[in-house]
Amino acid sequence: MIRLRVFTHPTCTTCPQAIRLASEIAEGQPDIDFRVISLGSAKGRAIAREHQVLSVPTLFVDDIRFVGVPSREALLEAIQQRRQARG
């Protein structure tokens, strides 16, 4: 399972774009576990600290980090890298 995480905050103006992009890519792909983690909650802030997230949006494809909204191509490439690594 590939973990796709989007760290957001309610006041972030570009976070909806990041969520939309990740959601569209994850849709219909059963090997992707997609989650949105909001720094607007205590639990979300704790998870963000664990991953050393300092700004939003931050996206992870397993351990590959994107700060800001990545291009569709870059996100798809990271997912493909993870699929190949898993064999």
N, C-alpha and C. Protein backbone atom coordinates (compact mmCIF):
# COMPACT_ATOMS: atom_id res chain seq x y z
N MET A 1 0.85 -1.19 0.00
CA MET A 1 0.00 0.00 0.00
C MET A 1 0.89 1.25 0.00
N ILE A 2 0.62 2.14 -0.91
CA ILE A 2 1.34 3.42 -0.98
C ILE A 2 0.57 4.44 -0.15
N ARG A 3 1.26 5.10 0.75
CA ARG A 3 0.63 6.10 1.61
C ARG A 3 0.78 7.48 0.97
N LEU A 4 -0.34 8.09 0.64
CA LEU A 4 -0.38 9.45 0.09
C LEU A 4 -1.03 10.34 1.14
N ARG A 5 -0.24 11.27 1.69
CA ARG A 5 -0.72 12.14 2.76
C ARG A 5 -0.61 13.60 2.33
N VAL A 6 -1.64 14.36 2.64
CA VAL A 6 -1.63 15.80 2.39
C VAL A 6 -1.83 16.50 3.74
N PHE A 7 -0.82 17.26 4.15
CA PHE A 7 -0.91 18.05 5.38
C PHE A 7 -1.43 19.43 5.01
N THR A 8 -2.48 19.86 5.71
CA THR A 8 -3.17 21.10 5.38
C THR A 8 -3.44 21.92 6.64
N HIS A 9 -3.98 23.10 6.42
CA HIS A 9 -4.47 23.94 7.52
C HIS A 9 -5.71 24.67 7.00
N PRO A 10 -6.70 24.88 7.86
CA PRO A 10 -7.94 25.52 7.41
C PRO A 10 -7.74 26.90 6.75
N THR A 11 -6.71 27.64 7.12
CA THR A 11 -6.51 28.97 6.54
C THR A 11 -5.62 28.97 5.30
N CYS A 12 -5.13 27.81 4.92
CA CYS A 12 -4.23 27.70 3.77
C CYS A 12 -5.00 27.92 2.46
N THR A 13 -4.50 28.81 1.63
CA THR A 13 -5.20 29.12 0.38
C THR A 13 -4.87 28.16 -0.76
N THR A 14 -3.72 27.50 -0.71
CA THR A 14 -3.37 26.56 -1.78
C THR A 14 -3.65 25.11 -1.40
N CYS A 15 -4.01 24.86 -0.15
CA CYS A 15 -4.28 23.49 0.28
C CYS A 15 -5.43 22.81 -0.48
N PRO A 16 -6.53 23.51 -0.77
CA PRO A 16 -7.58 22.85 -1.55
C PRO A 16 -7.09 22.32 -2.90
N GLN A 17 -6.19 23.05 -3.54
CA GLN A 17 -5.64 22.60 -4.81
C GLN A 17 -4.83 21.31 -4.61
N ALA A 18 -4.03 21.25 -3.55
CA ALA A 18 -3.23 20.06 -3.25
C ALA A 18 -4.12 18.86 -2.94
N ILE A 19 -5.17 19.10 -2.16
CA ILE A 19 -6.11 18.03 -1.81
C ILE A 19 -6.79 17.51 -3.06
N ARG A 20 -7.25 18.42 -3.91
CA ARG A 20 -7.94 18.03 -5.15
C ARG A 20 -7.03 17.19 -6.03
N LEU A 21 -5.79 17.63 -6.22
CA LEU A 21 -4.83 16.91 -7.06
C LEU A 21 -4.59 15.50 -6.52
N ALA A 22 -4.29 15.40 -5.23
CA ALA A 22 -4.01 14.09 -4.63
C ALA A 22 -5.23 13.19 -4.68
N SER A 23 -6.39 13.75 -4.42
CA SER A 23 -7.63 12.98 -4.43
C SER A 23 -7.92 12.44 -5.83
N GLU A 24 -7.74 13.26 -6.84
CA GLU A 24 -7.98 12.83 -8.22
C GLU A 24 -7.04 11.69 -8.60
N ILE A 25 -5.78 11.79 -8.18
CA ILE A 25 -4.80 10.75 -8.51
C ILE A 25 -5.11 9.46 -7.76
N ALA A 26 -5.51 9.56 -6.49
CA ALA A 26 -5.76 8.38 -5.68
C ALA A 26 -7.06 7.66 -6.06
N GLU A 27 -8.00 8.41 -6.61
CA GLU A 27 -9.31 7.84 -6.93
C GLU A 27 -9.18 6.65 -7.87
N GLY A 28 -9.80 5.56 -7.47
CA GLY A 28 -9.80 4.37 -8.32
C GLY A 28 -8.50 3.57 -8.31
N GLN A 29 -7.58 3.92 -7.43
CA GLN A 29 -6.32 3.18 -7.33
C GLN A 29 -6.27 2.50 -5.96
N PRO A 30 -6.64 1.23 -5.90
CA PRO A 30 -6.75 0.55 -4.61
C PRO A 30 -5.43 0.39 -3.85
N ASP A 31 -4.30 0.59 -4.52
CA ASP A 31 -3.02 0.45 -3.81
C ASP A 31 -2.57 1.75 -3.16
N ILE A 32 -3.40 2.81 -3.23
CA ILE A 32 -3.06 4.09 -2.61
C ILE A 32 -3.98 4.35 -1.43
N ASP A 33 -3.37 4.55 -0.26
CA ASP A 33 -4.09 4.93 0.95
C ASP A 33 -3.95 6.45 1.08
N PHE A 34 -5.01 7.18 0.74
CA PHE A 34 -5.00 8.64 0.70
C PHE A 34 -5.63 9.21 1.95
N ARG A 35 -4.92 10.16 2.59
CA ARG A 35 -5.47 10.82 3.78
C ARG A 35 -5.09 12.29 3.78
N VAL A 36 -5.99 13.10 4.29
CA VAL A 36 -5.75 14.52 4.52
C VAL A 36 -5.57 14.70 6.02
N ILE A 37 -4.49 15.37 6.39
CA ILE A 37 -4.19 15.59 7.81
C ILE A 37 -4.19 17.10 8.05
N SER A 38 -5.12 17.56 8.87
CA SER A 38 -5.27 18.99 9.13
C SER A 38 -4.50 19.42 10.36
N LEU A 39 -3.68 20.44 10.19
CA LEU A 39 -2.97 21.02 11.33
C LEU A 39 -3.91 21.89 12.17
N GLY A 40 -5.18 21.92 11.80
CA GLY A 40 -6.18 22.63 12.58
C GLY A 40 -6.63 21.84 13.79
N SER A 41 -6.17 20.58 13.90
CA SER A 41 -6.52 19.75 15.06
C SER A 41 -5.26 19.37 15.82
N ALA A 42 -5.42 19.07 17.10
CA ALA A 42 -4.28 18.67 17.93
C ALA A 42 -3.66 17.38 17.39
N LYS A 43 -4.49 16.44 16.98
CA LYS A 43 -3.98 15.17 16.44
C LYS A 43 -3.18 15.43 15.16
N GLY A 44 -3.71 16.30 14.29
CA GLY A 44 -3.01 16.63 13.05
C GLY A 44 -1.67 17.31 13.32
N ARG A 45 -1.63 18.21 14.30
CA ARG A 45 -0.37 18.88 14.65
C ARG A 45 0.65 17.89 15.19
N ALA A 46 0.18 16.90 15.96
CA ALA A 46 1.09 15.89 16.51
C ALA A 46 1.68 15.04 15.38
N ILE A 47 0.85 14.65 14.43
CA ILE A 47 1.34 13.87 13.29
C ILE A 47 2.32 14.72 12.46
N ALA A 48 2.00 15.99 12.29
CA ALA A 48 2.89 16.88 11.54
C ALA A 48 4.25 17.00 12.22
N ARG A 49 4.26 17.10 13.54
CA ARG A 49 5.54 17.16 14.28
C ARG A 49 6.36 15.90 14.04
N GLU A 50 5.71 14.74 14.06
CA GLU A 50 6.40 13.47 13.82
C GLU A 50 7.09 13.46 12.46
N HIS A 51 6.47 14.10 11.48
CA HIS A 51 6.98 14.12 10.10
C HIS A 51 7.76 15.40 9.78
N GLN A 52 7.95 16.23 10.80
CA GLN A 52 8.68 17.49 10.66
C GLN A 52 8.10 18.37 9.54
N VAL A 53 6.77 18.45 9.53
CA VAL A 53 6.07 19.32 8.58
C VAL A 53 6.05 20.72 9.17
N LEU A 54 6.64 21.67 8.44
CA LEU A 54 6.74 23.04 8.92
C LEU A 54 5.89 24.02 8.10
N SER A 55 5.41 23.59 6.94
CA SER A 55 4.56 24.46 6.13
C SER A 55 3.54 23.61 5.40
N VAL A 56 2.48 24.27 4.97
CA VAL A 56 1.41 23.59 4.25
C VAL A 56 1.16 24.29 2.93
N PRO A 57 0.72 23.55 1.93
CA PRO A 57 0.55 22.10 1.95
C PRO A 57 1.89 21.38 1.85
N THR A 58 1.96 20.25 2.52
CA THR A 58 3.06 19.31 2.36
C THR A 58 2.44 17.97 2.03
N LEU A 59 2.95 17.34 0.98
CA LEU A 59 2.45 16.04 0.55
C LEU A 59 3.56 15.01 0.70
N PHE A 60 3.16 13.81 1.06
CA PHE A 60 4.08 12.68 1.12
C PHE A 60 3.53 11.55 0.27
N VAL A 61 4.42 10.95 -0.51
CA VAL A 61 4.16 9.66 -1.15
C VAL A 61 5.14 8.72 -0.44
N ASP A 62 4.63 7.98 0.53
CA ASP A 62 5.47 7.24 1.47
C ASP A 62 6.48 8.21 2.07
N ASP A 63 7.76 8.10 1.73
CA ASP A 63 8.77 8.98 2.33
C ASP A 63 9.22 10.10 1.40
N ILE A 64 8.61 10.21 0.23
CA ILE A 64 8.95 11.29 -0.71
C ILE A 64 8.13 12.51 -0.35
N ARG A 65 8.80 13.62 -0.07
CA ARG A 65 8.14 14.84 0.42
C ARG A 65 8.05 15.90 -0.69
N PHE A 66 6.89 16.53 -0.75
CA PHE A 66 6.68 17.69 -1.62
C PHE A 66 6.18 18.83 -0.73
N VAL A 67 6.83 19.98 -0.78
CA VAL A 67 6.37 21.15 -0.05
C VAL A 67 5.75 22.08 -1.08
N GLY A 68 4.51 22.48 -0.85
CA GLY A 68 3.77 23.23 -1.85
C GLY A 68 2.97 22.26 -2.71
N VAL A 69 2.35 22.78 -3.74
CA VAL A 69 1.54 21.94 -4.62
C VAL A 69 2.45 21.43 -5.74
N PRO A 70 2.68 20.11 -5.77
CA PRO A 70 3.54 19.57 -6.84
C PRO A 70 2.79 19.52 -8.16
N SER A 71 3.53 19.36 -9.22
CA SER A 71 2.88 19.14 -10.52
C SER A 71 2.27 17.74 -10.51
N ARG A 72 1.26 17.56 -11.31
CA ARG A 72 0.64 16.24 -11.46
C ARG A 72 1.70 15.20 -11.86
N GLU A 73 2.57 15.61 -12.79
CA GLU A 73 3.59 14.71 -13.30
C GLU A 73 4.55 14.27 -12.18
N ALA A 74 4.98 15.22 -11.34
CA ALA A 74 5.90 14.89 -10.26
C ALA A 74 5.25 13.94 -9.25
N LEU A 75 3.99 14.16 -8.95
CA LEU A 75 3.28 13.30 -8.01
C LEU A 75 3.11 11.89 -8.60
N LEU A 76 2.73 11.82 -9.85
CA LEU A 76 2.59 10.51 -10.51
C LEU A 76 3.92 9.78 -10.59
N GLU A 77 4.99 10.51 -10.84
CA GLU A 77 6.32 9.91 -10.91
C GLU A 77 6.72 9.32 -9.55
N ALA A 78 6.44 10.04 -8.48
CA ALA A 78 6.75 9.54 -7.14
C ALA A 78 5.96 8.26 -6.84
N ILE A 79 4.71 8.24 -7.23
CA ILE A 79 3.88 7.04 -7.01
C ILE A 79 4.44 5.87 -7.81
N GLN A 80 4.83 6.13 -9.04
CA GLN A 80 5.40 5.08 -9.88
C GLN A 80 6.70 4.56 -9.28
N GLN A 81 7.54 5.46 -8.75
CA GLN A 81 8.77 5.03 -8.10
C GLN A 81 8.48 4.09 -6.93
N ARG A 82 7.48 4.42 -6.15
CA ARG A 82 7.13 3.57 -5.02
C ARG A 82 6.62 2.22 -5.49
N ARG A 83 5.83 2.20 -6.54
CA ARG A 83 5.32 0.93 -7.09
C ARG A 83 6.48 0.05 -7.57
N GLN A 84 7.44 0.66 -8.26
CA GLN A 84 8.59 -0.10 -8.75
C GLN A 84 9.44 -0.60 -7.61
N ALA A 85 9.59 0.19 -6.56
CA ALA A 85 10.41 -0.21 -5.42
C ALA A 85 9.79 -1.41 -4.69
N ARG A 86 8.47 -1.51 -4.76
CA ARG A 86 7.79 -2.61 -4.08
C ARG A 86 7.78 -3.87 -4.92
N GLY A 87 8.10 -3.71 -6.22
CA GLY A 87 8.20 -4.86 -7.11
C GLY A 87 6.88 -5.40 -7.43
